[in-house]
């Protein structure tokens, strides 16, 4: 049995079919480069087509593989500075420790988070502590797997209020080209997803969500088809009659173009439909 995924990655294959290849209402540019010294630079900029608001970020990352250390710094146009240090597979095989800090110069607000993760065959554990002046919030998660079956539990405890802030459970099954995932969040939010790789070119996914005390059931269907090695098309629709279409083209190695559109099927003549454009450059 391989190492099971983390709790946040349960059902990831289905989530990716619904999310990747789309960028509704946004014009976005991503640039990734790497210096000769091994420092990785990631720059991202986007503009909202509705509001016209532009945002951007710059991130640097440097890895010292022989020591298992990774250093990263990030700045965004909200004027937030973030710094992180990660130590992996040094204190114990499969153990990962990360300390993240953030600082907002305009307000003086500071925050910190300590993340720990441990994974090996059949089990994946995680514990994060958000440091806050009122009292830290402790997040814990565990996933166990056996012969394709996966079971996970996620909890958050607010020490300032001395009560649970999150209480989630998930169950899934993974078998090659087929994955099933169900979850219950705080005893009120119920969800599930199915992913299937029909063949080397076609992937499909279905998701379903329901809230206790409400008659509103939400569901969606999505598919991704690989036309060739450089071109893929994606489509999805939900019960609100929102229809999404995406087109991804690798123009050349390191250059990718994404076009997407969202159509409101219930109000087709009223307008309000959204389009998106994305460029990814990597050198």
C-alpha atoms as a PDB file:
ATOM      1  CA  UNK A   1       0.000   0.000   0.000  1.00  0.00           C
ATOM      2  CA  UNK A   2       1.367   3.390  -0.978  1.00  0.00           C
ATOM      3  CA  UNK A   3       1.282   6.408   1.297  1.00  0.00           C
ATOM      4  CA  UNK A   4      -2.319   7.730   1.456  1.00  0.00           C
ATOM      5  CA  UNK A   5      -2.955  11.381   0.540  1.00  0.00           C
ATOM      6  CA  UNK A   6      -3.360  14.127   3.099  1.00  0.00           C
ATOM      7  CA  UNK A   7      -6.904  14.969   4.213  1.00  0.00           C
ATOM      8  CA  UNK A   8      -7.057  18.069   2.005  1.00  0.00           C
ATOM      9  CA  UNK A   9      -6.085  15.952  -1.022  1.00  0.00           C
ATOM     10  CA  UNK A  10      -8.862  13.388  -0.610  1.00  0.00           C
ATOM     11  CA  UNK A  11     -10.996  13.530  -3.764  1.00  0.00           C
ATOM     12  CA  UNK A  12      -8.372  15.731  -5.446  1.00  0.00           C
ATOM     13  CA  UNK A  13      -8.658  14.046  -8.855  1.00  0.00           C
ATOM     14  CA  UNK A  14     -12.350  15.004  -9.105  1.00  0.00           C
ATOM     15  CA  UNK A  15     -11.675  18.511  -7.762  1.00  0.00           C
ATOM     16  CA  UNK A  16      -9.006  19.069 -10.432  1.00  0.00           C
ATOM     17  CA  UNK A  17     -11.437  18.183 -13.246  1.00  0.00           C
ATOM     18  CA  UNK A  18     -13.813  20.871 -11.931  1.00  0.00           C
ATOM     19  CA  UNK A  19     -11.192  23.556 -11.271  1.00  0.00           C
ATOM     20  CA  UNK A  20      -8.170  23.234 -13.561  1.00  0.00           C
ATOM     21  CA  UNK A  21      -8.333  24.740 -17.036  1.00  0.00           C
ATOM     22  CA  UNK A  22     -10.748  27.513 -16.011  1.00  0.00           C
ATOM     23  CA  UNK A  23     -10.291  31.152 -15.019  1.00  0.00           C
ATOM     24  CA  UNK A  24     -13.655  32.871 -15.347  1.00  0.00           C
ATOM     25  CA  UNK A  25     -13.701  36.659 -15.216  1.00  0.00           C
ATOM     26  CA  UNK A  26      -9.924  36.971 -14.917  1.00  0.00           C
ATOM     27  CA  UNK A  27      -7.016  37.833 -17.190  1.00  0.00           C
ATOM     28  CA  UNK A  28      -3.970  36.189 -15.643  1.00  0.00           C
ATOM     29  CA  UNK A  29      -0.244  35.900 -16.311  1.00  0.00           C
ATOM     30  CA  UNK A  30       2.056  33.458 -14.478  1.00  0.00           C
ATOM     31  CA  UNK A  31       5.826  33.448 -14.916  1.00  0.00           C
ATOM     32  CA  UNK A  32       8.242  30.912 -13.423  1.00  0.00           C
ATOM     33  CA  UNK A  33      12.019  31.095 -13.747  1.00  0.00           C
ATOM     34  CA  UNK A  34      15.040  29.543 -12.059  1.00  0.00           C
ATOM     35  CA  UNK A  35      18.455  31.110 -11.588  1.00  0.00           C
ATOM     36  CA  UNK A  36      21.766  29.299 -12.028  1.00  0.00           C
ATOM     37  CA  UNK A  37      22.191  29.303  -8.246  1.00  0.00           C
ATOM     38  CA  UNK A  38      18.951  27.322  -7.879  1.00  0.00           C
ATOM     39  CA  UNK A  39      16.642  30.113  -6.684  1.00  0.00           C
ATOM     40  CA  UNK A  40      13.120  29.725  -8.096  1.00  0.00           C
ATOM     41  CA  UNK A  41      11.085  32.840  -8.917  1.00  0.00           C
ATOM     42  CA  UNK A  42       7.319  32.803  -9.383  1.00  0.00           C
ATOM     43  CA  UNK A  43       5.485  35.937 -10.491  1.00  0.00           C
ATOM     44  CA  UNK A  44       1.744  36.168 -10.923  1.00  0.00           C
ATOM     45  CA  UNK A  45      -0.529  39.001 -12.011  1.00  0.00           C
ATOM     46  CA  UNK A  46      -4.255  39.092 -12.655  1.00  0.00           C
ATOM     47  CA  UNK A  47      -7.009  41.544 -13.463  1.00  0.00           C
ATOM     48  CA  UNK A  48     -10.690  41.063 -12.699  1.00  0.00           C
ATOM     49  CA  UNK A  49     -12.722  41.775 -15.843  1.00  0.00           C
ATOM     50  CA  UNK A  50     -15.753  42.900 -13.807  1.00  0.00           C
ATOM     51  CA  UNK A  51     -14.184  45.212 -11.239  1.00  0.00           C
ATOM     52  CA  UNK A  52     -10.946  46.013 -13.060  1.00  0.00           C
ATOM     53  CA  UNK A  53      -9.012  45.321  -9.842  1.00  0.00           C
ATOM     54  CA  UNK A  54      -5.467  44.140 -10.476  1.00  0.00           C
ATOM     55  CA  UNK A  55      -3.506  41.926  -8.097  1.00  0.00           C
ATOM     56  CA  UNK A  56      -0.038  40.461  -8.195  1.00  0.00           C
ATOM     57  CA  UNK A  57       2.480  38.457  -6.221  1.00  0.00           C
ATOM     58  CA  UNK A  58       6.164  37.578  -6.233  1.00  0.00           C
ATOM     59  CA  UNK A  59       7.554  34.437  -4.613  1.00  0.00           C
ATOM     60  CA  UNK A  60      11.088  33.139  -4.263  1.00  0.00           C
ATOM     61  CA  UNK A  61      12.085  29.643  -3.208  1.00  0.00           C
ATOM     62  CA  UNK A  62      15.475  28.133  -2.485  1.00  0.00           C
ATOM     63  CA  UNK A  63      16.130  24.479  -1.665  1.00  0.00           C
ATOM     64  CA  UNK A  64      19.126  23.027   0.144  1.00  0.00           C
ATOM     65  CA  UNK A  65      18.567  19.389  -0.739  1.00  0.00           C
ATOM     66  CA  UNK A  66      21.526  18.059   1.191  1.00  0.00           C
ATOM     67  CA  UNK A  67      20.050  19.523   4.413  1.00  0.00           C
ATOM     68  CA  UNK A  68      16.392  18.950   3.531  1.00  0.00           C
ATOM     69  CA  UNK A  69      15.684  22.684   3.891  1.00  0.00           C
ATOM     70  CA  UNK A  70      13.462  24.928   1.788  1.00  0.00           C
ATOM     71  CA  UNK A  71      13.251  28.699   2.212  1.00  0.00           C
ATOM     72  CA  UNK A  72      10.520  30.765   0.596  1.00  0.00           C
ATOM     73  CA  UNK A  73       9.414  34.390   0.666  1.00  0.00           C
ATOM     74  CA  UNK A  74       6.304  35.933  -0.834  1.00  0.00           C
ATOM     75  CA  UNK A  75       4.933  39.435  -1.342  1.00  0.00           C
ATOM     76  CA  UNK A  76       1.588  40.442  -2.829  1.00  0.00           C
ATOM     77  CA  UNK A  77      -0.125  43.668  -3.804  1.00  0.00           C
ATOM     78  CA  UNK A  78      -2.161  43.598  -0.582  1.00  0.00           C
ATOM     79  CA  UNK A  79       1.238  44.439   0.939  1.00  0.00           C
ATOM     80  CA  UNK A  80       1.545  41.190   2.859  1.00  0.00           C
ATOM     81  CA  UNK A  81       5.023  39.753   3.394  1.00  0.00           C
ATOM     82  CA  UNK A  82       5.309  36.027   4.080  1.00  0.00           C
ATOM     83  CA  UNK A  83       8.302  33.898   4.974  1.00  0.00           C
ATOM     84  CA  UNK A  84       8.503  30.138   5.388  1.00  0.00           C
ATOM     85  CA  UNK A  85      11.107  27.538   6.348  1.00  0.00           C
ATOM     86  CA  UNK A  86      10.583  23.815   5.758  1.00  0.00           C
ATOM     87  CA  UNK A  87      12.603  20.877   7.067  1.00  0.00           C
ATOM     88  CA  UNK A  88      11.803  17.507   5.511  1.00  0.00           C
ATOM     89  CA  UNK A  89      13.005  13.929   6.084  1.00  0.00           C
ATOM     90  CA  UNK A  90      15.793  14.969   8.452  1.00  0.00           C
ATOM     91  CA  UNK A  91      14.597  14.349  12.003  1.00  0.00           C
ATOM     92  CA  UNK A  92      12.752  11.230  10.815  1.00  0.00           C
ATOM     93  CA  UNK A  93      11.937   9.696   7.461  1.00  0.00           C
ATOM     94  CA  UNK A  94       8.529  10.982   6.347  1.00  0.00           C
ATOM     95  CA  UNK A  95       8.456  13.874   8.847  1.00  0.00           C
ATOM     96  CA  UNK A  96       7.959  17.410   7.503  1.00  0.00           C
ATOM     97  CA  UNK A  97       8.115  20.583   9.611  1.00  0.00           C
ATOM     98  CA  UNK A  98       7.188  24.038   8.322  1.00  0.00           C
ATOM     99  CA  UNK A  99       7.145  27.414  10.070  1.00  0.00           C
ATOM    100  CA  UNK A 100       5.316  30.220   8.254  1.00  0.00           C
ATOM    101  CA  UNK A 101       5.120  33.878   9.274  1.00  0.00           C
ATOM    102  CA  UNK A 102       3.342  36.838   7.705  1.00  0.00           C
ATOM    103  CA  UNK A 103       3.543  40.591   8.291  1.00  0.00           C
ATOM    104  CA  UNK A 104       1.403  43.471   7.024  1.00  0.00           C
ATOM    105  CA  UNK A 105       3.465  46.691   7.270  1.00  0.00           C
ATOM    106  CA  UNK A 106       0.437  48.971   6.837  1.00  0.00           C
ATOM    107  CA  UNK A 107      -1.359  47.631   9.905  1.00  0.00           C
ATOM    108  CA  UNK A 108       1.482  45.983  11.793  1.00  0.00           C
ATOM    109  CA  UNK A 109      -0.472  42.725  11.915  1.00  0.00           C
ATOM    110  CA  UNK A 110       1.659  39.624  12.436  1.00  0.00           C
ATOM    111  CA  UNK A 111       0.794  35.967  12.323  1.00  0.00           C
ATOM    112  CA  UNK A 112       2.543  32.628  12.462  1.00  0.00           C
ATOM    113  CA  UNK A 113       1.813  28.982  11.816  1.00  0.00           C
ATOM    114  CA  UNK A 114       3.669  25.805  12.661  1.00  0.00           C
ATOM    115  CA  UNK A 115       2.867  22.860  10.391  1.00  0.00           C
ATOM    116  CA  UNK A 116       3.867  19.269  10.990  1.00  0.00           C
ATOM    117  CA  UNK A 117       3.226  16.272   8.788  1.00  0.00           C
ATOM    118  CA  UNK A 118       4.181  12.627   8.967  1.00  0.00           C
ATOM    119  CA  UNK A 119       3.515  10.041   6.283  1.00  0.00           C
ATOM    120  CA  UNK A 120       4.391   6.443   5.618  1.00  0.00           C
ATOM    121  CA  UNK A 121       2.673   3.326   4.287  1.00  0.00           C
ATOM    122  CA  UNK A 122      -0.995   3.159   5.331  1.00  0.00           C
ATOM    123  CA  UNK A 123      -1.026   6.489   7.220  1.00  0.00           C
ATOM    124  CA  UNK A 124      -0.748  10.266   6.706  1.00  0.00           C
ATOM    125  CA  UNK A 125      -0.867  12.566   9.741  1.00  0.00           C
ATOM    126  CA  UNK A 126      -0.886  16.359  10.052  1.00  0.00           C
ATOM    127  CA  UNK A 127      -0.995  18.917  12.859  1.00  0.00           C
ATOM    128  CA  UNK A 128      -0.954  22.704  12.397  1.00  0.00           C
ATOM    129  CA  UNK A 129      -0.953  25.425  15.038  1.00  0.00           C
ATOM    130  CA  UNK A 130      -2.116  28.945  14.168  1.00  0.00           C
ATOM    131  CA  UNK A 131      -0.585  31.398  16.615  1.00  0.00           C
ATOM    132  CA  UNK A 132      -2.958  34.160  17.689  1.00  0.00           C
ATOM    133  CA  UNK A 133      -2.825  36.694  20.497  1.00  0.00           C
ATOM    134  CA  UNK A 134      -6.196  35.512  21.791  1.00  0.00           C
ATOM    135  CA  UNK A 135      -5.029  31.889  21.780  1.00  0.00           C
ATOM    136  CA  UNK A 136      -3.749  29.411  19.206  1.00  0.00           C
ATOM    137  CA  UNK A 137      -6.009  27.326  16.994  1.00  0.00           C
ATOM    138  CA  UNK A 138      -4.892  23.721  16.644  1.00  0.00           C
ATOM    139  CA  UNK A 139      -5.698  21.796  13.452  1.00  0.00           C
ATOM    140  CA  UNK A 140      -5.279  18.041  13.260  1.00  0.00           C
ATOM    141  CA  UNK A 141      -5.879  15.513  10.486  1.00  0.00           C
ATOM    142  CA  UNK A 142      -5.304  11.819   9.903  1.00  0.00           C
ATOM    143  CA  UNK A 143      -5.836   9.559   6.896  1.00  0.00           C
ATOM    144  CA  UNK A 144      -5.443   5.803   6.902  1.00  0.00           C
ATOM    145  CA  UNK A 145      -5.510   3.596   3.831  1.00  0.00           C
ATOM    146  CA  UNK A 146      -5.735  -0.138   3.228  1.00  0.00           C
ATOM    147  CA  UNK A 147      -6.233  -2.025  -0.047  1.00  0.00           C
ATOM    148  CA  UNK A 148      -7.669   1.038  -1.789  1.00  0.00           C
ATOM    149  CA  UNK A 149      -9.967   2.118   1.055  1.00  0.00           C
ATOM    150  CA  UNK A 150      -9.306   5.521   2.636  1.00  0.00           C
ATOM    151  CA  UNK A 151     -10.684   6.990   5.856  1.00  0.00           C
ATOM    152  CA  UNK A 152      -9.886  10.449   7.167  1.00  0.00           C
ATOM    153  CA  UNK A 153     -10.679  12.709  10.109  1.00  0.00           C
ATOM    154  CA  UNK A 154     -10.045  16.438  10.465  1.00  0.00           C
ATOM    155  CA  UNK A 155     -10.502  18.533  13.591  1.00  0.00           C
ATOM    156  CA  UNK A 156      -9.796  22.111  14.697  1.00  0.00           C
ATOM    157  CA  UNK A 157      -9.784  23.274  18.313  1.00  0.00           C
ATOM    158  CA  UNK A 158      -9.974  26.955  19.301  1.00  0.00           C
ATOM    159  CA  UNK A 159      -8.077  27.264  22.579  1.00  0.00           C
ATOM    160  CA  UNK A 160      -9.362  30.813  23.186  1.00  0.00           C
ATOM    161  CA  UNK A 161     -12.987  29.634  23.179  1.00  0.00           C
ATOM    162  CA  UNK A 162     -12.207  26.090  24.364  1.00  0.00           C
ATOM    163  CA  UNK A 163     -14.395  24.488  21.713  1.00  0.00           C
ATOM    164  CA  UNK A 164     -14.170  22.600  18.449  1.00  0.00           C
ATOM    165  CA  UNK A 165     -14.101  24.873  15.418  1.00  0.00           C
ATOM    166  CA  UNK A 166     -14.123  22.026  12.877  1.00  0.00           C
ATOM    167  CA  UNK A 167     -15.128  18.382  12.947  1.00  0.00           C
ATOM    168  CA  UNK A 168     -14.957  16.589   9.595  1.00  0.00           C
ATOM    169  CA  UNK A 169     -14.935  12.982   8.451  1.00  0.00           C
ATOM    170  CA  UNK A 170     -14.255  11.455   5.024  1.00  0.00           C
ATOM    171  CA  UNK A 171     -14.354   8.013   3.452  1.00  0.00           C
ATOM    172  CA  UNK A 172     -13.129   7.004   0.021  1.00  0.00           C
ATOM    173  CA  UNK A 173     -12.043   4.246  -2.311  1.00  0.00           C
ATOM    174  CA  UNK A 174      -9.334   4.383  -4.953  1.00  0.00           C
ATOM    175  CA  UNK A 175      -8.735   1.723  -7.583  1.00  0.00           C
ATOM    176  CA  UNK A 176      -6.572   2.697 -10.542  1.00  0.00           C
ATOM    177  CA  UNK A 177      -8.798   4.645 -12.924  1.00  0.00           C
ATOM    178  CA  UNK A 178     -11.718   5.000 -10.470  1.00  0.00           C
ATOM    179  CA  UNK A 179     -12.037   7.041  -7.264  1.00  0.00           C
ATOM    180  CA  UNK A 180     -14.945   7.559  -4.871  1.00  0.00           C
ATOM    181  CA  UNK A 181     -14.981  10.146  -2.079  1.00  0.00           C
ATOM    182  CA  UNK A 182     -17.578  11.113   0.525  1.00  0.00           C
ATOM    183  CA  UNK A 183     -17.364  13.582   3.413  1.00  0.00           C
ATOM    184  CA  UNK A 184     -19.330  15.039   6.308  1.00  0.00           C
ATOM    185  CA  UNK A 185     -18.362  18.483   7.630  1.00  0.00           C
ATOM    186  CA  UNK A 186     -19.492  19.500  11.126  1.00  0.00           C
ATOM    187  CA  UNK A 187     -22.393  17.065  10.879  1.00  0.00           C
ATOM    188  CA  UNK A 188     -24.325  19.425   8.589  1.00  0.00           C
ATOM    189  CA  UNK A 189     -22.504  19.523   5.241  1.00  0.00           C
ATOM    190  CA  UNK A 190     -22.575  16.314   3.211  1.00  0.00           C
ATOM    191  CA  UNK A 191     -20.653  15.816  -0.015  1.00  0.00           C
ATOM    192  CA  UNK A 192     -19.381  13.228  -2.424  1.00  0.00           C
ATOM    193  CA  UNK A 193     -17.518  12.894  -5.689  1.00  0.00           C
ATOM    194  CA  UNK A 194     -16.729  10.261  -8.293  1.00  0.00           C
ATOM    195  CA  UNK A 195     -13.744  10.351 -10.636  1.00  0.00           C
ATOM    196  CA  UNK A 196     -13.132   8.015 -13.555  1.00  0.00           C
ATOM    197  CA  UNK A 197     -10.430   7.933 -16.177  1.00  0.00           C
ATOM    198  CA  UNK A 198     -12.341   6.447 -19.090  1.00  0.00           C
ATOM    199  CA  UNK A 199      -9.250   6.119 -21.270  1.00  0.00           C
ATOM    200  CA  UNK A 200      -5.905   7.837 -21.899  1.00  0.00           C
ATOM    201  CA  UNK A 201      -7.687  10.904 -23.315  1.00  0.00           C
ATOM    202  CA  UNK A 202     -10.950  11.243 -21.394  1.00  0.00           C
ATOM    203  CA  UNK A 203     -11.471  11.953 -17.680  1.00  0.00           C
ATOM    204  CA  UNK A 204     -14.853  12.524 -16.031  1.00  0.00           C
ATOM    205  CA  UNK A 205     -16.054  13.618 -12.596  1.00  0.00           C
ATOM    206  CA  UNK A 206     -19.323  14.071 -10.714  1.00  0.00           C
ATOM    207  CA  UNK A 207     -19.815  15.907  -7.418  1.00  0.00           C
ATOM    208  CA  UNK A 208     -22.764  16.221  -5.063  1.00  0.00           C
ATOM    209  CA  UNK A 209     -23.349  18.404  -1.993  1.00  0.00           C
ATOM    210  CA  UNK A 210     -26.197  18.832   0.465  1.00  0.00           C
ATOM    211  CA  UNK A 211     -26.721  20.887   3.632  1.00  0.00           C
ATOM    212  CA  UNK A 212     -28.813  19.575   6.506  1.00  0.00           C
ATOM    213  CA  UNK A 213     -31.985  21.581   7.045  1.00  0.00           C
ATOM    214  CA  UNK A 214     -32.036  22.722   3.446  1.00  0.00           C
ATOM    215  CA  UNK A 215     -33.739  21.320   0.379  1.00  0.00           C
ATOM    216  CA  UNK A 216     -31.013  22.716  -1.842  1.00  0.00           C
ATOM    217  CA  UNK A 217     -28.961  19.876  -3.323  1.00  0.00           C
ATOM    218  CA  UNK A 218     -26.000  20.897  -5.456  1.00  0.00           C
ATOM    219  CA  UNK A 219     -24.446  18.687  -8.098  1.00  0.00           C
ATOM    220  CA  UNK A 220     -22.225  19.007 -11.142  1.00  0.00           C
ATOM    221  CA  UNK A 221     -20.741  17.003 -13.991  1.00  0.00           C
ATOM    222  CA  UNK A 222     -17.359  17.713 -15.593  1.00  0.00           C
ATOM    223  CA  UNK A 223     -15.084  16.198 -18.214  1.00  0.00           C
ATOM    224  CA  UNK A 224     -11.642  16.767 -19.678  1.00  0.00           C
ATOM    225  CA  UNK A 225     -10.595  15.520 -23.102  1.00  0.00           C
ATOM    226  CA  UNK A 226      -7.002  15.497 -24.336  1.00  0.00           C
ATOM    227  CA  UNK A 227      -7.139  16.224 -28.057  1.00  0.00           C
ATOM    228  CA  UNK A 228      -3.398  15.669 -28.443  1.00  0.00           C
ATOM    229  CA  UNK A 229      -0.236  16.057 -26.392  1.00  0.00           C
ATOM    230  CA  UNK A 230      -0.499  19.866 -26.521  1.00  0.00           C
ATOM    231  CA  UNK A 231      -4.253  20.523 -26.490  1.00  0.00           C
ATOM    232  CA  UNK A 232      -7.044  19.808 -24.024  1.00  0.00           C
ATOM    233  CA  UNK A 233     -10.659  20.893 -23.709  1.00  0.00           C
ATOM    234  CA  UNK A 234     -12.732  20.930 -20.519  1.00  0.00           C
ATOM    235  CA  UNK A 235     -16.433  21.315 -19.854  1.00  0.00           C
ATOM    236  CA  UNK A 236     -18.651  21.337 -16.783  1.00  0.00           C
ATOM    237  CA  UNK A 237     -22.253  22.052 -15.849  1.00  0.00           C
ATOM    238  CA  UNK A 238     -24.125  22.226 -12.548  1.00  0.00           C
ATOM    239  CA  UNK A 239     -27.753  22.183 -11.417  1.00  0.00           C
ATOM    240  CA  UNK A 240     -27.812  26.014 -11.440  1.00  0.00           C
ATOM    241  CA  UNK A 241     -27.421  25.797 -15.242  1.00  0.00           C
ATOM    242  CA  UNK A 242     -23.966  27.351 -15.140  1.00  0.00           C
ATOM    243  CA  UNK A 243     -21.989  25.980 -18.073  1.00  0.00           C
ATOM    244  CA  UNK A 244     -18.200  26.253 -18.122  1.00  0.00           C
ATOM    245  CA  UNK A 245     -15.909  25.594 -21.072  1.00  0.00           C
ATOM    246  CA  UNK A 246     -12.109  25.639 -21.089  1.00  0.00           C
ATOM    247  CA  UNK A 247      -9.441  25.304 -23.757  1.00  0.00           C
ATOM    248  CA  UNK A 248      -5.768  24.751 -22.939  1.00  0.00           C
ATOM    249  CA  UNK A 249      -3.014  24.888 -25.565  1.00  0.00           C
ATOM    250  CA  UNK A 250       0.708  24.403 -25.081  1.00  0.00           C
ATOM    251  CA  UNK A 251       2.069  26.785 -27.711  1.00  0.00           C
ATOM    252  CA  UNK A 252       5.641  25.670 -27.172  1.00  0.00           C
ATOM    253  CA  UNK A 253       7.601  24.096 -24.309  1.00  0.00           C
ATOM    254  CA  UNK A 254       7.135  26.384 -21.303  1.00  0.00           C
ATOM    255  CA  UNK A 255       4.337  28.468 -22.868  1.00  0.00           C
ATOM    256  CA  UNK A 256       0.710  27.589 -22.128  1.00  0.00           C
ATOM    257  CA  UNK A 257      -2.481  29.441 -23.106  1.00  0.00           C
ATOM    258  CA  UNK A 258      -5.823  28.964 -21.361  1.00  0.00           C
ATOM    259  CA  UNK A 259      -9.162  30.297 -22.623  1.00  0.00           C
ATOM    260  CA  UNK A 260     -12.361  29.790 -20.654  1.00  0.00           C
ATOM    261  CA  UNK A 261     -15.952  30.939 -20.558  1.00  0.00           C
ATOM    262  CA  UNK A 262     -18.886  30.675 -18.158  1.00  0.00           C
ATOM    263  CA  UNK A 263     -22.447  30.852 -19.479  1.00  0.00           C
ATOM    264  CA  UNK A 264     -25.550  31.302 -17.316  1.00  0.00           C
ATOM    265  CA  UNK A 265     -28.004  28.964 -19.017  1.00  0.00           C
ATOM    266  CA  UNK A 266     -30.987  30.275 -17.072  1.00  0.00           C
ATOM    267  CA  UNK A 267     -30.362  33.902 -18.080  1.00  0.00           C
ATOM    268  CA  UNK A 268     -28.741  33.471 -21.459  1.00  0.00           C
ATOM    269  CA  UNK A 269     -30.218  36.664 -22.970  1.00  0.00           C
ATOM    270  CA  UNK A 270     -29.600  38.774 -19.865  1.00  0.00           C
ATOM    271  CA  UNK A 271     -25.846  38.711 -20.265  1.00  0.00           C
ATOM    272  CA  UNK A 272     -23.450  38.574 -17.369  1.00  0.00           C
ATOM    273  CA  UNK A 273     -21.508  35.706 -18.861  1.00  0.00           C
ATOM    274  CA  UNK A 274     -17.794  35.580 -18.071  1.00  0.00           C
ATOM    275  CA  UNK A 275     -14.675  34.871 -20.053  1.00  0.00           C
ATOM    276  CA  UNK A 276     -11.128  34.296 -18.928  1.00  0.00           C
ATOM    277  CA  UNK A 277      -7.639  34.369 -20.386  1.00  0.00           C
ATOM    278  CA  UNK A 278      -4.482  32.920 -18.907  1.00  0.00           C
ATOM    279  CA  UNK A 279      -0.825  32.700 -19.921  1.00  0.00           C
ATOM    280  CA  UNK A 280       1.725  30.503 -18.185  1.00  0.00           C
ATOM    281  CA  UNK A 281       5.407  31.018 -18.990  1.00  0.00           C
ATOM    282  CA  UNK A 282       8.163  28.847 -17.580  1.00  0.00           C
ATOM    283  CA  UNK A 283      11.850  29.056 -18.287  1.00  0.00           C
END
